[in-house]
Amino acid sequence: MKGLGYRFLVNTLAFLIAAQLLPVHASTPLLFLLAGIVLALVNIMIRPLLIILTIPLNLVTLGLFTLVINTWMVMLTSGLLPGFSVPGFGNAFLVSLIMSLANWSFKEMKRR
């Protein structure tokens, strides 16, 4: 349960940062919180299956295909929440990069 709360907070902060830099829209600020929860749940339930199914692509691309999987998760979250939108694959890719950097930096801070 501790891991889910961590993911939820990091995802929410990353969505808020991305909204300042990219055209990420939410009809209410509460939707950023809800998007963080939905993305955390999608990452827990669907992402591991996609990682397993795309092992050959990940091996060939030296793990960079994981960014595409993260992009799909952001796009799925955008599709599941009415009122929350990340328009286009390119913007979703940039949001997934921001999320990856946010998760990496929080893990580094947690280690110290």
N, C-alpha and C. Protein backbone atom coordinates (compact mmCIF):
# COMPACT_ATOMS: atom_id res chain seq x y z
N MET A 1 0.82 -1.20 0.00
CA MET A 1 0.00 0.00 0.00
C MET A 1 0.86 1.26 0.00
N LYS A 2 2.03 1.15 0.63
CA LYS A 2 2.94 2.29 0.68
C LYS A 2 3.42 2.67 -0.72
N GLY A 3 3.67 1.65 -1.56
CA GLY A 3 4.13 1.88 -2.93
C GLY A 3 3.07 2.57 -3.78
N LEU A 4 1.81 2.22 -3.58
CA LEU A 4 0.72 2.85 -4.33
C LEU A 4 0.59 4.32 -3.97
N GLY A 5 0.71 4.64 -2.70
CA GLY A 5 0.66 6.05 -2.28
C GLY A 5 1.81 6.85 -2.84
N TYR A 6 2.98 6.25 -2.88
CA TYR A 6 4.16 6.90 -3.46
C TYR A 6 3.94 7.17 -4.93
N ARG A 7 3.47 6.16 -5.66
CA ARG A 7 3.22 6.32 -7.10
C ARG A 7 2.16 7.38 -7.36
N PHE A 8 1.12 7.38 -6.55
CA PHE A 8 0.05 8.36 -6.70
C PHE A 8 0.59 9.78 -6.54
N LEU A 9 1.38 10.00 -5.52
CA LEU A 9 1.92 11.35 -5.28
C LEU A 9 2.88 11.79 -6.38
N VAL A 10 3.76 10.92 -6.79
CA VAL A 10 4.72 11.27 -7.85
C VAL A 10 3.99 11.52 -9.16
N ASN A 11 3.01 10.68 -9.49
CA ASN A 11 2.24 10.87 -10.72
C ASN A 11 1.48 12.19 -10.71
N THR A 12 0.88 12.51 -9.59
CA THR A 12 0.13 13.77 -9.49
C THR A 12 1.06 14.97 -9.65
N LEU A 13 2.20 14.93 -8.97
CA LEU A 13 3.17 16.03 -9.12
C LEU A 13 3.69 16.13 -10.55
N ALA A 14 3.93 15.00 -11.17
CA ALA A 14 4.42 15.02 -12.56
C ALA A 14 3.36 15.57 -13.50
N PHE A 15 2.09 15.22 -13.29
CA PHE A 15 1.02 15.78 -14.11
C PHE A 15 0.93 17.29 -13.92
N LEU A 16 1.09 17.76 -12.70
CA LEU A 16 1.04 19.20 -12.44
C LEU A 16 2.21 19.92 -13.11
N ILE A 17 3.39 19.33 -13.06
CA ILE A 17 4.55 19.92 -13.73
C ILE A 17 4.33 19.92 -15.24
N ALA A 18 3.84 18.81 -15.76
CA ALA A 18 3.61 18.71 -17.21
C ALA A 18 2.55 19.71 -17.67
N ALA A 19 1.56 19.98 -16.83
CA ALA A 19 0.52 20.93 -17.20
C ALA A 19 1.07 22.35 -17.32
N GLN A 20 2.15 22.63 -16.61
CA GLN A 20 2.77 23.95 -16.72
C GLN A 20 3.61 24.08 -17.99
N LEU A 21 4.11 22.97 -18.49
CA LEU A 21 5.02 23.00 -19.63
C LEU A 21 4.38 22.60 -20.96
N LEU A 22 3.34 21.77 -20.90
CA LEU A 22 2.74 21.18 -22.09
C LEU A 22 1.23 21.43 -22.09
N PRO A 23 0.57 21.18 -23.22
CA PRO A 23 -0.89 21.35 -23.26
C PRO A 23 -1.64 20.18 -22.62
N VAL A 24 -1.44 19.99 -21.34
CA VAL A 24 -2.19 18.99 -20.57
C VAL A 24 -3.32 19.74 -19.88
N HIS A 25 -4.55 19.29 -20.11
CA HIS A 25 -5.70 20.03 -19.60
C HIS A 25 -6.55 19.18 -18.68
N ALA A 26 -7.05 19.81 -17.64
CA ALA A 26 -8.01 19.18 -16.74
C ALA A 26 -9.09 20.20 -16.45
N SER A 27 -10.34 19.75 -16.48
CA SER A 27 -11.43 20.70 -16.28
C SER A 27 -11.46 21.23 -14.84
N THR A 28 -10.98 20.44 -13.90
CA THR A 28 -10.87 20.91 -12.51
C THR A 28 -9.51 20.44 -11.96
N PRO A 29 -8.98 21.15 -10.98
CA PRO A 29 -7.71 20.72 -10.38
C PRO A 29 -7.81 19.33 -9.73
N LEU A 30 -9.00 18.95 -9.30
CA LEU A 30 -9.19 17.64 -8.70
C LEU A 30 -8.89 16.51 -9.68
N LEU A 31 -9.06 16.79 -10.97
CA LEU A 31 -8.79 15.76 -11.98
C LEU A 31 -7.30 15.40 -12.05
N PHE A 32 -6.42 16.32 -11.69
CA PHE A 32 -4.99 15.97 -11.64
C PHE A 32 -4.76 14.91 -10.56
N LEU A 33 -5.43 15.06 -9.42
CA LEU A 33 -5.32 14.05 -8.37
C LEU A 33 -5.89 12.72 -8.84
N LEU A 34 -7.05 12.77 -9.46
CA LEU A 34 -7.69 11.56 -9.96
C LEU A 34 -6.84 10.91 -11.06
N ALA A 35 -6.23 11.73 -11.91
CA ALA A 35 -5.36 11.19 -12.96
C ALA A 35 -4.14 10.49 -12.35
N GLY A 36 -3.62 11.03 -11.26
CA GLY A 36 -2.50 10.38 -10.57
C GLY A 36 -2.90 9.02 -10.02
N ILE A 37 -4.11 8.94 -9.48
CA ILE A 37 -4.60 7.66 -8.95
C ILE A 37 -4.82 6.66 -10.08
N VAL A 38 -5.49 7.12 -11.15
CA VAL A 38 -5.77 6.22 -12.27
C VAL A 38 -4.47 5.74 -12.92
N LEU A 39 -3.51 6.63 -13.10
CA LEU A 39 -2.25 6.22 -13.70
C LEU A 39 -1.51 5.22 -12.81
N ALA A 40 -1.54 5.44 -11.51
CA ALA A 40 -0.90 4.49 -10.59
C ALA A 40 -1.56 3.11 -10.70
N LEU A 41 -2.88 3.07 -10.77
CA LEU A 41 -3.58 1.80 -10.89
C LEU A 41 -3.33 1.14 -12.25
N VAL A 42 -3.32 1.92 -13.31
CA VAL A 42 -3.03 1.39 -14.65
C VAL A 42 -1.61 0.83 -14.69
N ASN A 43 -0.67 1.54 -14.07
CA ASN A 43 0.72 1.08 -14.05
C ASN A 43 0.87 -0.21 -13.24
N ILE A 44 0.04 -0.39 -12.24
CA ILE A 44 0.11 -1.60 -11.43
C ILE A 44 -0.54 -2.78 -12.14
N MET A 45 -1.65 -2.53 -12.86
CA MET A 45 -2.40 -3.63 -13.45
C MET A 45 -2.00 -3.98 -14.89
N ILE A 46 -1.81 -2.99 -15.73
CA ILE A 46 -1.63 -3.25 -17.16
C ILE A 46 -0.17 -3.20 -17.59
N ARG A 47 0.60 -2.27 -17.05
CA ARG A 47 1.98 -2.07 -17.49
C ARG A 47 2.85 -3.33 -17.36
N PRO A 48 2.77 -4.10 -16.26
CA PRO A 48 3.62 -5.30 -16.19
C PRO A 48 3.35 -6.30 -17.32
N LEU A 49 2.09 -6.44 -17.71
CA LEU A 49 1.76 -7.34 -18.80
C LEU A 49 2.37 -6.85 -20.12
N LEU A 50 2.28 -5.55 -20.36
CA LEU A 50 2.88 -5.00 -21.58
C LEU A 50 4.40 -5.13 -21.58
N ILE A 51 5.01 -4.96 -20.42
CA ILE A 51 6.47 -5.12 -20.32
C ILE A 51 6.86 -6.55 -20.69
N ILE A 52 6.12 -7.52 -20.18
CA ILE A 52 6.42 -8.93 -20.47
C ILE A 52 6.21 -9.23 -21.96
N LEU A 53 5.11 -8.72 -22.52
CA LEU A 53 4.82 -9.00 -23.93
C LEU A 53 5.82 -8.35 -24.88
N THR A 54 6.46 -7.28 -24.45
CA THR A 54 7.38 -6.56 -25.33
C THR A 54 8.84 -6.74 -24.94
N ILE A 55 9.15 -7.83 -24.27
CA ILE A 55 10.54 -8.10 -23.89
C ILE A 55 11.47 -8.10 -25.11
N PRO A 56 11.10 -8.74 -26.22
CA PRO A 56 12.01 -8.69 -27.38
C PRO A 56 12.28 -7.27 -27.87
N LEU A 57 11.25 -6.43 -27.94
CA LEU A 57 11.45 -5.04 -28.37
C LEU A 57 12.31 -4.27 -27.37
N ASN A 58 12.10 -4.53 -26.09
CA ASN A 58 12.92 -3.87 -25.07
C ASN A 58 14.38 -4.30 -25.17
N LEU A 59 14.60 -5.56 -25.48
CA LEU A 59 15.99 -6.02 -25.63
C LEU A 59 16.66 -5.37 -26.83
N VAL A 60 15.93 -5.30 -27.94
CA VAL A 60 16.50 -4.72 -29.16
C VAL A 60 16.78 -3.23 -28.98
N THR A 61 15.89 -2.54 -28.28
CA THR A 61 16.05 -1.08 -28.10
C THR A 61 16.77 -0.72 -26.81
N LEU A 62 17.32 -1.72 -26.15
CA LEU A 62 18.05 -1.52 -24.89
C LEU A 62 17.20 -0.82 -23.83
N GLY A 63 15.92 -1.16 -23.79
CA GLY A 63 15.01 -0.64 -22.76
C GLY A 63 14.30 0.64 -23.11
N LEU A 64 14.63 1.25 -24.24
CA LEU A 64 13.98 2.51 -24.59
C LEU A 64 12.52 2.34 -24.98
N PHE A 65 12.12 1.13 -25.37
CA PHE A 65 10.71 0.91 -25.70
C PHE A 65 9.82 1.08 -24.47
N THR A 66 10.39 1.00 -23.29
CA THR A 66 9.62 1.22 -22.07
C THR A 66 9.02 2.63 -22.06
N LEU A 67 9.70 3.60 -22.66
CA LEU A 67 9.13 4.95 -22.75
C LEU A 67 7.86 4.96 -23.60
N VAL A 68 7.83 4.13 -24.63
CA VAL A 68 6.61 4.03 -25.45
C VAL A 68 5.48 3.40 -24.63
N ILE A 69 5.80 2.40 -23.84
CA ILE A 69 4.79 1.79 -22.97
C ILE A 69 4.28 2.82 -21.97
N ASN A 70 5.18 3.60 -21.38
CA ASN A 70 4.76 4.65 -20.46
C ASN A 70 3.86 5.67 -21.16
N THR A 71 4.17 5.97 -22.43
CA THR A 71 3.34 6.89 -23.21
C THR A 71 1.95 6.32 -23.39
N TRP A 72 1.87 5.02 -23.69
CA TRP A 72 0.55 4.39 -23.83
C TRP A 72 -0.23 4.45 -22.53
N MET A 73 0.44 4.33 -21.39
CA MET A 73 -0.25 4.39 -20.10
C MET A 73 -0.82 5.79 -19.86
N VAL A 74 -0.05 6.82 -20.24
CA VAL A 74 -0.53 8.19 -20.10
C VAL A 74 -1.73 8.42 -21.03
N MET A 75 -1.65 7.90 -22.26
CA MET A 75 -2.76 8.05 -23.20
C MET A 75 -4.00 7.29 -22.72
N LEU A 76 -3.80 6.12 -22.12
CA LEU A 76 -4.92 5.36 -21.56
C LEU A 76 -5.57 6.11 -20.42
N THR A 77 -4.76 6.70 -19.56
CA THR A 77 -5.29 7.51 -18.46
C THR A 77 -6.10 8.68 -19.00
N SER A 78 -5.58 9.32 -20.03
CA SER A 78 -6.29 10.44 -20.65
C SER A 78 -7.62 9.98 -21.24
N GLY A 79 -7.64 8.80 -21.81
CA GLY A 79 -8.87 8.27 -22.39
C GLY A 79 -9.89 7.83 -21.37
N LEU A 80 -9.43 7.39 -20.21
CA LEU A 80 -10.34 6.90 -19.17
C LEU A 80 -11.01 8.02 -18.38
N LEU A 81 -10.39 9.18 -18.31
CA LEU A 81 -10.91 10.28 -17.49
C LEU A 81 -11.53 11.36 -18.36
N PRO A 82 -12.84 11.49 -18.36
CA PRO A 82 -13.43 12.61 -19.09
C PRO A 82 -13.07 13.92 -18.40
N GLY A 83 -12.71 14.92 -19.16
CA GLY A 83 -12.31 16.20 -18.60
C GLY A 83 -10.81 16.34 -18.42
N PHE A 84 -10.07 15.24 -18.60
CA PHE A 84 -8.61 15.26 -18.52
C PHE A 84 -8.07 14.86 -19.88
N SER A 85 -7.19 15.68 -20.45
CA SER A 85 -6.70 15.34 -21.79
C SER A 85 -5.22 15.65 -21.93
N VAL A 86 -4.57 14.74 -22.62
CA VAL A 86 -3.19 14.92 -23.07
C VAL A 86 -3.26 14.71 -24.58
N PRO A 87 -3.29 15.81 -25.35
CA PRO A 87 -3.52 15.66 -26.80
C PRO A 87 -2.30 15.16 -27.56
N GLY A 88 -2.46 14.04 -28.23
CA GLY A 88 -1.43 13.54 -29.13
C GLY A 88 -0.38 12.67 -28.49
N PHE A 89 0.22 11.84 -29.34
CA PHE A 89 1.26 10.93 -28.89
C PHE A 89 2.51 11.68 -28.44
N GLY A 90 2.87 12.74 -29.15
CA GLY A 90 4.08 13.50 -28.81
C GLY A 90 3.99 14.13 -27.43
N ASN A 91 2.85 14.73 -27.13
CA ASN A 91 2.67 15.33 -25.80
C ASN A 91 2.65 14.25 -24.71
N ALA A 92 1.99 13.13 -25.00
CA ALA A 92 1.97 12.03 -24.03
C ALA A 92 3.38 11.49 -23.81
N PHE A 93 4.18 11.45 -24.88
CA PHE A 93 5.57 11.01 -24.75
C PHE A 93 6.36 11.95 -23.84
N LEU A 94 6.17 13.26 -24.04
CA LEU A 94 6.87 14.23 -23.19
C LEU A 94 6.40 14.14 -21.74
N VAL A 95 5.11 13.90 -21.53
CA VAL A 95 4.59 13.72 -20.17
C VAL A 95 5.22 12.47 -19.55
N SER A 96 5.34 11.40 -20.33
CA SER A 96 5.95 10.18 -19.78
C SER A 96 7.43 10.40 -19.45
N LEU A 97 8.13 11.23 -20.25
CA LEU A 97 9.51 11.57 -19.90
C LEU A 97 9.57 12.34 -18.59
N ILE A 98 8.67 13.30 -18.41
CA ILE A 98 8.62 14.06 -17.16
C ILE A 98 8.35 13.12 -16.00
N MET A 99 7.43 12.18 -16.19
CA MET A 99 7.10 11.23 -15.12
C MET A 99 8.29 10.33 -14.81
N SER A 100 8.99 9.89 -15.85
CA SER A 100 10.16 9.04 -15.61
C SER A 100 11.23 9.80 -14.83
N LEU A 101 11.46 11.05 -15.19
CA LEU A 101 12.44 11.86 -14.45
C LEU A 101 11.99 12.12 -13.02
N ALA A 102 10.69 12.36 -12.83
CA ALA A 102 10.18 12.59 -11.48
C ALA A 102 10.34 11.33 -10.63
N ASN A 103 9.97 10.18 -11.18
CA ASN A 103 10.12 8.93 -10.43
C ASN A 103 11.58 8.64 -10.11
N TRP A 104 12.46 8.87 -11.08
CA TRP A 104 13.88 8.64 -10.85
C TRP A 104 14.41 9.57 -9.75
N SER A 105 14.05 10.85 -9.81
CA SER A 105 14.58 11.78 -8.82
C SER A 105 14.04 11.50 -7.42
N PHE A 106 12.77 11.10 -7.31
CA PHE A 106 12.24 10.78 -5.99
C PHE A 106 12.85 9.50 -5.44
N LYS A 107 13.14 8.55 -6.30
CA LYS A 107 13.81 7.32 -5.83
C LYS A 107 15.22 7.64 -5.35
N GLU A 108 15.91 8.53 -6.05
CA GLU A 108 17.26 8.93 -5.64
C GLU A 108 17.20 9.66 -4.30
N MET A 109 16.24 10.55 -4.12
CA MET A 109 16.12 11.27 -2.85
C MET A 109 15.76 10.31 -1.73
N LYS A 110 14.97 9.31 -2.03
CA LYS A 110 14.57 8.33 -1.02
C LYS A 110 15.75 7.47 -0.57
N ARG A 111 16.67 7.19 -1.51
CA ARG A 111 17.85 6.40 -1.17
C ARG A 111 18.80 7.12 -0.25
N ARG A 112 18.85 8.41 -0.32
CA ARG A 112 19.84 9.18 0.47
C ARG A 112 19.37 9.43 1.85
